[in-house]
Amino acid sequence: MSHRAPVRGADADTDKRLALKLAGSAARRADVAESSRDNAIRFALDSGASVAEIADATGLDEAAVGRIVGHRAS
């Protein structure tokens, strides 16, 4: 993604508002994606998958999976 040099004046204010709106939107999408991932991880555990199997499938380490499912990975 490329970006252009900052502009001063009214265009700069418009650019700043747009940039903040985009940043907020991206943050909300990331929160939704993380929540969806965490729910899928909990579902996998409830379906009988081990923490190690989930870690392998998601690319997360076992400690991260353990934090998501609410217990320590062994």
PDB file of N, CA and C in Angstrom:
ATOM      1  N   MET A   1       0.855  -1.165   0.000  1.00  0.00           N
ATOM      2  CA  MET A   1       0.000   0.000   0.000  1.00  0.00           C
ATOM      3  C   MET A   1       0.899   1.225   0.000  1.00  0.00           C
ATOM      4  N   SER A   2       0.646   2.129  -0.864  1.00  0.00           N
ATOM      5  CA  SER A   2       1.444   3.353  -0.900  1.00  0.00           C
ATOM      6  C   SER A   2       0.668   4.476  -0.223  1.00  0.00           C
ATOM      7  N   HIS A   3       1.383   5.473   0.169  1.00  0.00           N
ATOM      8  CA  HIS A   3       0.739   6.633   0.754  1.00  0.00           C
ATOM      9  C   HIS A   3       1.427   7.872   0.219  1.00  0.00           C
ATOM     10  N   ARG A   4       0.719   8.958   0.276  1.00  0.00           N
ATOM     11  CA  ARG A   4       1.280  10.196  -0.238  1.00  0.00           C
ATOM     12  C   ARG A   4       1.697  11.090   0.911  1.00  0.00           C
ATOM     13  N   ALA A   5       2.506  12.068   0.592  1.00  0.00           N
ATOM     14  CA  ALA A   5       2.998  12.997   1.609  1.00  0.00           C
ATOM     15  C   ALA A   5       1.837  13.789   2.196  1.00  0.00           C
ATOM     16  N   PRO A   6       1.932  14.141   3.478  1.00  0.00           N
ATOM     17  CA  PRO A   6       0.864  14.936   4.100  1.00  0.00           C
ATOM     18  C   PRO A   6       0.674  16.274   3.392  1.00  0.00           C
ATOM     19  N   VAL A   7      -0.571  16.718   3.384  1.00  0.00           N
ATOM     20  CA  VAL A   7      -0.924  17.994   2.776  1.00  0.00           C
ATOM     21  C   VAL A   7      -1.391  18.914   3.894  1.00  0.00           C
ATOM     22  N   ARG A   8      -1.089  20.183   3.796  1.00  0.00           N
ATOM     23  CA  ARG A   8      -1.519  21.139   4.820  1.00  0.00           C
ATOM     24  C   ARG A   8      -2.840  21.780   4.394  1.00  0.00           C
ATOM     25  N   GLY A   9      -3.608  22.219   5.390  1.00  0.00           N
ATOM     26  CA  GLY A   9      -4.843  22.936   5.089  1.00  0.00           C
ATOM     27  C   GLY A   9      -6.061  22.047   5.124  1.00  0.00           C
ATOM     28  N   ALA A  10      -7.087  22.478   4.390  1.00  0.00           N
ATOM     29  CA  ALA A  10      -8.379  21.779   4.398  1.00  0.00           C
ATOM     30  C   ALA A  10      -8.243  20.348   3.906  1.00  0.00           C
ATOM     31  N   ASP A  11      -7.430  20.138   2.871  1.00  0.00           N
ATOM     32  CA  ASP A  11      -7.247  18.773   2.375  1.00  0.00           C
ATOM     33  C   ASP A  11      -6.619  17.879   3.439  1.00  0.00           C
ATOM     34  N   ALA A  12      -5.730  18.451   4.237  1.00  0.00           N
ATOM     35  CA  ALA A  12      -5.098  17.674   5.303  1.00  0.00           C
ATOM     36  C   ALA A  12      -6.133  17.259   6.338  1.00  0.00           C
ATOM     37  N   ASP A  13      -7.055  18.147   6.683  1.00  0.00           N
ATOM     38  CA  ASP A  13      -8.108  17.807   7.638  1.00  0.00           C
ATOM     39  C   ASP A  13      -9.002  16.700   7.090  1.00  0.00           C
ATOM     40  N   THR A  14      -9.346  16.791   5.817  1.00  0.00           N
ATOM     41  CA  THR A  14     -10.169  15.763   5.179  1.00  0.00           C
ATOM     42  C   THR A  14      -9.422  14.440   5.161  1.00  0.00           C
ATOM     43  N   ASP A  15      -8.136  14.487   4.799  1.00  0.00           N
ATOM     44  CA  ASP A  15      -7.327  13.266   4.778  1.00  0.00           C
ATOM     45  C   ASP A  15      -7.230  12.646   6.168  1.00  0.00           C
ATOM     46  N   LYS A  16      -7.062  13.501   7.171  1.00  0.00           N
ATOM     47  CA  LYS A  16      -6.944  12.994   8.535  1.00  0.00           C
ATOM     48  C   LYS A  16      -8.237  12.327   8.975  1.00  0.00           C
ATOM     49  N   ARG A  17      -9.369  12.950   8.701  1.00  0.00           N
ATOM     50  CA  ARG A  17     -10.663  12.357   9.070  1.00  0.00           C
ATOM     51  C   ARG A  17     -10.854  11.015   8.371  1.00  0.00           C
ATOM     52  N   LEU A  18     -10.526  10.964   7.081  1.00  0.00           N
ATOM     53  CA  LEU A  18     -10.667   9.720   6.332  1.00  0.00           C
ATOM     54  C   LEU A  18      -9.725   8.653   6.882  1.00  0.00           C
ATOM     55  N   ALA A  19      -8.486   9.031   7.167  1.00  0.00           N
ATOM     56  CA  ALA A  19      -7.516   8.069   7.697  1.00  0.00           C
ATOM     57  C   ALA A  19      -7.979   7.519   9.040  1.00  0.00           C
ATOM     58  N   LEU A  20      -8.517   8.378   9.906  1.00  0.00           N
ATOM     59  CA  LEU A  20      -9.011   7.912  11.198  1.00  0.00           C
ATOM     60  C   LEU A  20     -10.225   7.003  11.036  1.00  0.00           C
ATOM     61  N   LYS A  21     -11.096   7.330  10.102  1.00  0.00           N
ATOM     62  CA  LYS A  21     -12.261   6.489   9.839  1.00  0.00           C
ATOM     63  C   LYS A  21     -11.820   5.109   9.338  1.00  0.00           C
ATOM     64  N   LEU A  22     -10.860   5.087   8.432  1.00  0.00           N
ATOM     65  CA  LEU A  22     -10.352   3.815   7.914  1.00  0.00           C
ATOM     66  C   LEU A  22      -9.670   3.007   9.006  1.00  0.00           C
ATOM     67  N   ALA A  23      -8.883   3.678   9.861  1.00  0.00           N
ATOM     68  CA  ALA A  23      -8.201   2.984  10.947  1.00  0.00           C
ATOM     69  C   ALA A  23      -9.213   2.382  11.917  1.00  0.00           C
ATOM     70  N   GLY A  24     -10.249   3.127  12.243  1.00  0.00           N
ATOM     71  CA  GLY A  24     -11.289   2.617  13.137  1.00  0.00           C
ATOM     72  C   GLY A  24     -12.021   1.434  12.541  1.00  0.00           C
ATOM     73  N   SER A  25     -12.330   1.521  11.267  1.00  0.00           N
ATOM     74  CA  SER A  25     -13.014   0.430  10.588  1.00  0.00           C
ATOM     75  C   SER A  25     -12.138  -0.825  10.553  1.00  0.00           C
ATOM     76  N   ALA A  26     -10.864  -0.650  10.262  1.00  0.00           N
ATOM     77  CA  ALA A  26      -9.943  -1.791  10.230  1.00  0.00           C
ATOM     78  C   ALA A  26      -9.833  -2.434  11.609  1.00  0.00           C
ATOM     79  N   ALA A  27      -9.792  -1.618  12.646  1.00  0.00           N
ATOM     80  CA  ALA A  27      -9.704  -2.147  14.009  1.00  0.00           C
ATOM     81  C   ALA A  27     -10.957  -2.949  14.362  1.00  0.00           C
ATOM     82  N   ARG A  28     -12.119  -2.468  13.972  1.00  0.00           N
ATOM     83  CA  ARG A  28     -13.366  -3.198  14.245  1.00  0.00           C
ATOM     84  C   ARG A  28     -13.396  -4.523  13.490  1.00  0.00           C
ATOM     85  N   ARG A  29     -12.948  -4.517  12.230  1.00  0.00           N
ATOM     86  CA  ARG A  29     -12.906  -5.767  11.461  1.00  0.00           C
ATOM     87  C   ARG A  29     -11.930  -6.752  12.094  1.00  0.00           C
ATOM     88  N   ALA A  30     -10.802  -6.258  12.578  1.00  0.00           N
ATOM     89  CA  ALA A  30      -9.821  -7.131  13.222  1.00  0.00           C
ATOM     90  C   ALA A  30     -10.414  -7.750  14.488  1.00  0.00           C
ATOM     91  N   ASP A  31     -11.164  -6.961  15.261  1.00  0.00           N
ATOM     92  CA  ASP A  31     -11.809  -7.483  16.468  1.00  0.00           C
ATOM     93  C   ASP A  31     -12.805  -8.583  16.120  1.00  0.00           C
ATOM     94  N   VAL A  32     -13.578  -8.386  15.059  1.00  0.00           N
ATOM     95  CA  VAL A  32     -14.557  -9.385  14.630  1.00  0.00           C
ATOM     96  C   VAL A  32     -13.839 -10.640  14.164  1.00  0.00           C
ATOM     97  N   ALA A  33     -12.775 -10.477  13.398  1.00  0.00           N
ATOM     98  CA  ALA A  33     -12.020 -11.632  12.910  1.00  0.00           C
ATOM     99  C   ALA A  33     -11.413 -12.410  14.072  1.00  0.00           C
ATOM    100  N   GLU A  34     -10.853 -11.693  15.046  1.00  0.00           N
ATOM    101  CA  GLU A  34     -10.260 -12.362  16.206  1.00  0.00           C
ATOM    102  C   GLU A  34     -11.318 -13.104  17.006  1.00  0.00           C
ATOM    103  N   SER A  35     -12.466 -12.502  17.188  1.00  0.00           N
ATOM    104  CA  SER A  35     -13.557 -13.146  17.909  1.00  0.00           C
ATOM    105  C   SER A  35     -14.019 -14.410  17.183  1.00  0.00           C
ATOM    106  N   SER A  36     -14.135 -14.319  15.869  1.00  0.00           N
ATOM    107  CA  SER A  36     -14.542 -15.471  15.066  1.00  0.00           C
ATOM    108  C   SER A  36     -13.508 -16.592  15.176  1.00  0.00           C
ATOM    109  N   ARG A  37     -12.214 -16.226  15.101  1.00  0.00           N
ATOM    110  CA  ARG A  37     -11.138 -17.214  15.235  1.00  0.00           C
ATOM    111  C   ARG A  37     -11.222 -17.889  16.599  1.00  0.00           C
ATOM    112  N   ASP A  38     -11.391 -17.089  17.653  1.00  0.00           N
ATOM    113  CA  ASP A  38     -11.433 -17.638  19.002  1.00  0.00           C
ATOM    114  C   ASP A  38     -12.621 -18.580  19.175  1.00  0.00           C
ATOM    115  N   ASN A  39     -13.763 -18.222  18.623  1.00  0.00           N
ATOM    116  CA  ASN A  39     -14.935 -19.094  18.704  1.00  0.00           C
ATOM    117  C   ASN A  39     -14.693 -20.407  17.970  1.00  0.00           C
ATOM    118  N   ALA A  40     -14.041 -20.334  16.814  1.00  0.00           N
ATOM    119  CA  ALA A  40     -13.732 -21.542  16.050  1.00  0.00           C
ATOM    120  C   ALA A  40     -12.749 -22.420  16.818  1.00  0.00           C
ATOM    121  N   ILE A  41     -11.794 -21.805  17.496  1.00  0.00           N
ATOM    122  CA  ILE A  41     -10.838 -22.561  18.308  1.00  0.00           C
ATOM    123  C   ILE A  41     -11.557 -23.259  19.456  1.00  0.00           C
ATOM    124  N   ARG A  42     -12.454 -22.583  20.129  1.00  0.00           N
ATOM    125  CA  ARG A  42     -13.212 -23.199  21.226  1.00  0.00           C
ATOM    126  C   ARG A  42     -14.091 -24.343  20.705  1.00  0.00           C
ATOM    127  N   PHE A  43     -14.676 -24.140  19.535  1.00  0.00           N
ATOM    128  CA  PHE A  43     -15.496 -25.189  18.919  1.00  0.00           C
ATOM    129  C   PHE A  43     -14.645 -26.414  18.612  1.00  0.00           C
ATOM    130  N   ALA A  44     -13.438 -26.192  18.073  1.00  0.00           N
ATOM    131  CA  ALA A  44     -12.545 -27.318  17.766  1.00  0.00           C
ATOM    132  C   ALA A  44     -12.198 -28.085  19.036  1.00  0.00           C
ATOM    133  N   LEU A  45     -11.915 -27.362  20.110  1.00  0.00           N
ATOM    134  CA  LEU A  45     -11.602 -28.022  21.383  1.00  0.00           C
ATOM    135  C   LEU A  45     -12.810 -28.820  21.870  1.00  0.00           C
ATOM    136  N   ASP A  46     -13.986 -28.209  21.821  1.00  0.00           N
ATOM    137  CA  ASP A  46     -15.212 -28.893  22.250  1.00  0.00           C
ATOM    138  C   ASP A  46     -15.516 -30.113  21.383  1.00  0.00           C
ATOM    139  N   SER A  47     -15.006 -30.095  20.152  1.00  0.00           N
ATOM    140  CA  SER A  47     -15.241 -31.209  19.230  1.00  0.00           C
ATOM    141  C   SER A  47     -14.210 -32.314  19.387  1.00  0.00           C
ATOM    142  N   GLY A  48     -13.284 -32.135  20.332  1.00  0.00           N
ATOM    143  CA  GLY A  48     -12.334 -33.196  20.620  1.00  0.00           C
ATOM    144  C   GLY A  48     -10.918 -32.959  20.142  1.00  0.00           C
ATOM    145  N   ALA A  49     -10.655 -31.845  19.480  1.00  0.00           N
ATOM    146  CA  ALA A  49      -9.296 -31.553  19.032  1.00  0.00           C
ATOM    147  C   ALA A  49      -8.439 -31.170  20.232  1.00  0.00           C
ATOM    148  N   SER A  50      -7.175 -31.544  20.173  1.00  0.00           N
ATOM    149  CA  SER A  50      -6.265 -31.171  21.252  1.00  0.00           C
ATOM    150  C   SER A  50      -5.734 -29.764  21.020  1.00  0.00           C
ATOM    151  N   VAL A  51      -5.188 -29.184  22.075  1.00  0.00           N
ATOM    152  CA  VAL A  51      -4.570 -27.860  21.960  1.00  0.00           C
ATOM    153  C   VAL A  51      -3.455 -27.907  20.920  1.00  0.00           C
ATOM    154  N   ALA A  52      -2.678 -28.983  20.927  1.00  0.00           N
ATOM    155  CA  ALA A  52      -1.581 -29.118  19.955  1.00  0.00           C
ATOM    156  C   ALA A  52      -2.120 -29.172  18.525  1.00  0.00           C
ATOM    157  N   GLU A  53      -3.191 -29.916  18.312  1.00  0.00           N
ATOM    158  CA  GLU A  53      -3.782 -30.000  16.972  1.00  0.00           C
ATOM    159  C   GLU A  53      -4.316 -28.644  16.517  1.00  0.00           C
ATOM    160  N   ILE A  54      -4.953 -27.929  17.429  1.00  0.00           N
ATOM    161  CA  ILE A  54      -5.486 -26.605  17.096  1.00  0.00           C
ATOM    162  C   ILE A  54      -4.346 -25.646  16.789  1.00  0.00           C
ATOM    163  N   ALA A  55      -3.294 -25.704  17.592  1.00  0.00           N
ATOM    164  CA  ALA A  55      -2.132 -24.840  17.347  1.00  0.00           C
ATOM    165  C   ALA A  55      -1.561 -25.105  15.961  1.00  0.00           C
ATOM    166  N   ASP A  56      -1.431 -26.370  15.610  1.00  0.00           N
ATOM    167  CA  ASP A  56      -0.899 -26.728  14.295  1.00  0.00           C
ATOM    168  C   ASP A  56      -1.805 -26.223  13.177  1.00  0.00           C
ATOM    169  N   ALA A  57      -3.108 -26.343  13.358  1.00  0.00           N
ATOM    170  CA  ALA A  57      -4.065 -25.933  12.326  1.00  0.00           C
ATOM    171  C   ALA A  57      -4.138 -24.417  12.156  1.00  0.00           C
ATOM    172  N   THR A  58      -3.932 -23.689  13.251  1.00  0.00           N
ATOM    173  CA  THR A  58      -4.099 -22.231  13.199  1.00  0.00           C
ATOM    174  C   THR A  58      -2.797 -21.468  13.014  1.00  0.00           C
ATOM    175  N   GLY A  59      -1.686 -22.119  13.283  1.00  0.00           N
ATOM    176  CA  GLY A  59      -0.411 -21.414  13.219  1.00  0.00           C
ATOM    177  C   GLY A  59      -0.088 -20.649  14.490  1.00  0.00           C
ATOM    178  N   LEU A  60      -0.939 -20.784  15.495  1.00  0.00           N
ATOM    179  CA  LEU A  60      -0.671 -20.173  16.797  1.00  0.00           C
ATOM    180  C   LEU A  60       0.167 -21.145  17.618  1.00  0.00           C
ATOM    181  N   ASP A  61       0.857 -20.630  18.624  1.00  0.00           N
ATOM    182  CA  ASP A  61       1.559 -21.565  19.497  1.00  0.00           C
ATOM    183  C   ASP A  61       0.574 -22.112  20.534  1.00  0.00           C
ATOM    184  N   GLU A  62       0.974 -23.204  21.175  1.00  0.00           N
ATOM    185  CA  GLU A  62       0.065 -23.868  22.115  1.00  0.00           C
ATOM    186  C   GLU A  62      -0.310 -22.971  23.289  1.00  0.00           C
ATOM    187  N   ALA A  63       0.603 -22.137  23.732  1.00  0.00           N
ATOM    188  CA  ALA A  63       0.287 -21.229  24.842  1.00  0.00           C
ATOM    189  C   ALA A  63      -0.812 -20.248  24.446  1.00  0.00           C
ATOM    190  N   ALA A  64      -0.767 -19.738  23.211  1.00  0.00           N
ATOM    191  CA  ALA A  64      -1.800 -18.805  22.743  1.00  0.00           C
ATOM    192  C   ALA A  64      -3.152 -19.509  22.664  1.00  0.00           C
ATOM    193  N   VAL A  65      -3.158 -20.730  22.139  1.00  0.00           N
ATOM    194  CA  VAL A  65      -4.403 -21.492  22.080  1.00  0.00           C
ATOM    195  C   VAL A  65      -4.923 -21.739  23.494  1.00  0.00           C
ATOM    196  N   GLY A  66      -4.027 -22.088  24.400  1.00  0.00           N
ATOM    197  CA  GLY A  66      -4.420 -22.315  25.786  1.00  0.00           C
ATOM    198  C   GLY A  66      -5.053 -21.087  26.411  1.00  0.00           C
ATOM    199  N   ARG A  67      -4.489 -19.911  26.117  1.00  0.00           N
ATOM    200  CA  ARG A  67      -5.085 -18.669  26.649  1.00  0.00           C
ATOM    201  C   ARG A  67      -6.483 -18.464  26.072  1.00  0.00           C
ATOM    202  N   ILE A  68      -6.657 -18.761  24.805  1.00  0.00           N
ATOM    203  CA  ILE A  68      -7.965 -18.563  24.157  1.00  0.00           C
ATOM    204  C   ILE A  68      -9.017 -19.503  24.748  1.00  0.00           C
ATOM    205  N   VAL A  69      -8.622 -20.752  24.985  1.00  0.00           N
ATOM    206  CA  VAL A  69      -9.601 -21.712  25.492  1.00  0.00           C
ATOM    207  C   VAL A  69      -9.722 -21.673  27.007  1.00  0.00           C
ATOM    208  N   GLY A  70      -8.880 -20.866  27.633  1.00  0.00           N
ATOM    209  CA  GLY A  70      -9.055 -20.634  29.054  1.00  0.00           C
ATOM    210  C   GLY A  70      -8.314 -21.580  29.977  1.00  0.00           C
ATOM    211  N   HIS A  71      -7.323 -22.260  29.459  1.00  0.00           N
ATOM    212  CA  HIS A  71      -6.481 -23.072  30.339  1.00  0.00           C
ATOM    213  C   HIS A  71      -5.091 -23.161  29.753  1.00  0.00           C
ATOM    214  N   ARG A  72      -4.174 -23.665  30.532  1.00  0.00           N
ATOM    215  CA  ARG A  72      -2.786 -23.744  30.086  1.00  0.00           C
ATOM    216  C   ARG A  72      -2.605 -24.873  29.092  1.00  0.00           C
ATOM    217  N   ALA A  73      -1.824 -24.576  28.071  1.00  0.00           N
ATOM    218  CA  ALA A  73      -1.438 -25.627  27.123  1.00  0.00           C
ATOM    219  C   ALA A  73      -0.372 -26.492  27.787  1.00  0.00           C
ATOM    220  N   SER A  74      -0.442 -27.778  27.571  1.00  0.00           N
ATOM    221  CA  SER A  74       0.569 -28.659  28.154  1.00  0.00           C
ATOM    222  C   SER A  74       1.527 -29.175  27.112  1.00  0.00           C
TER     223      SER A  74
END
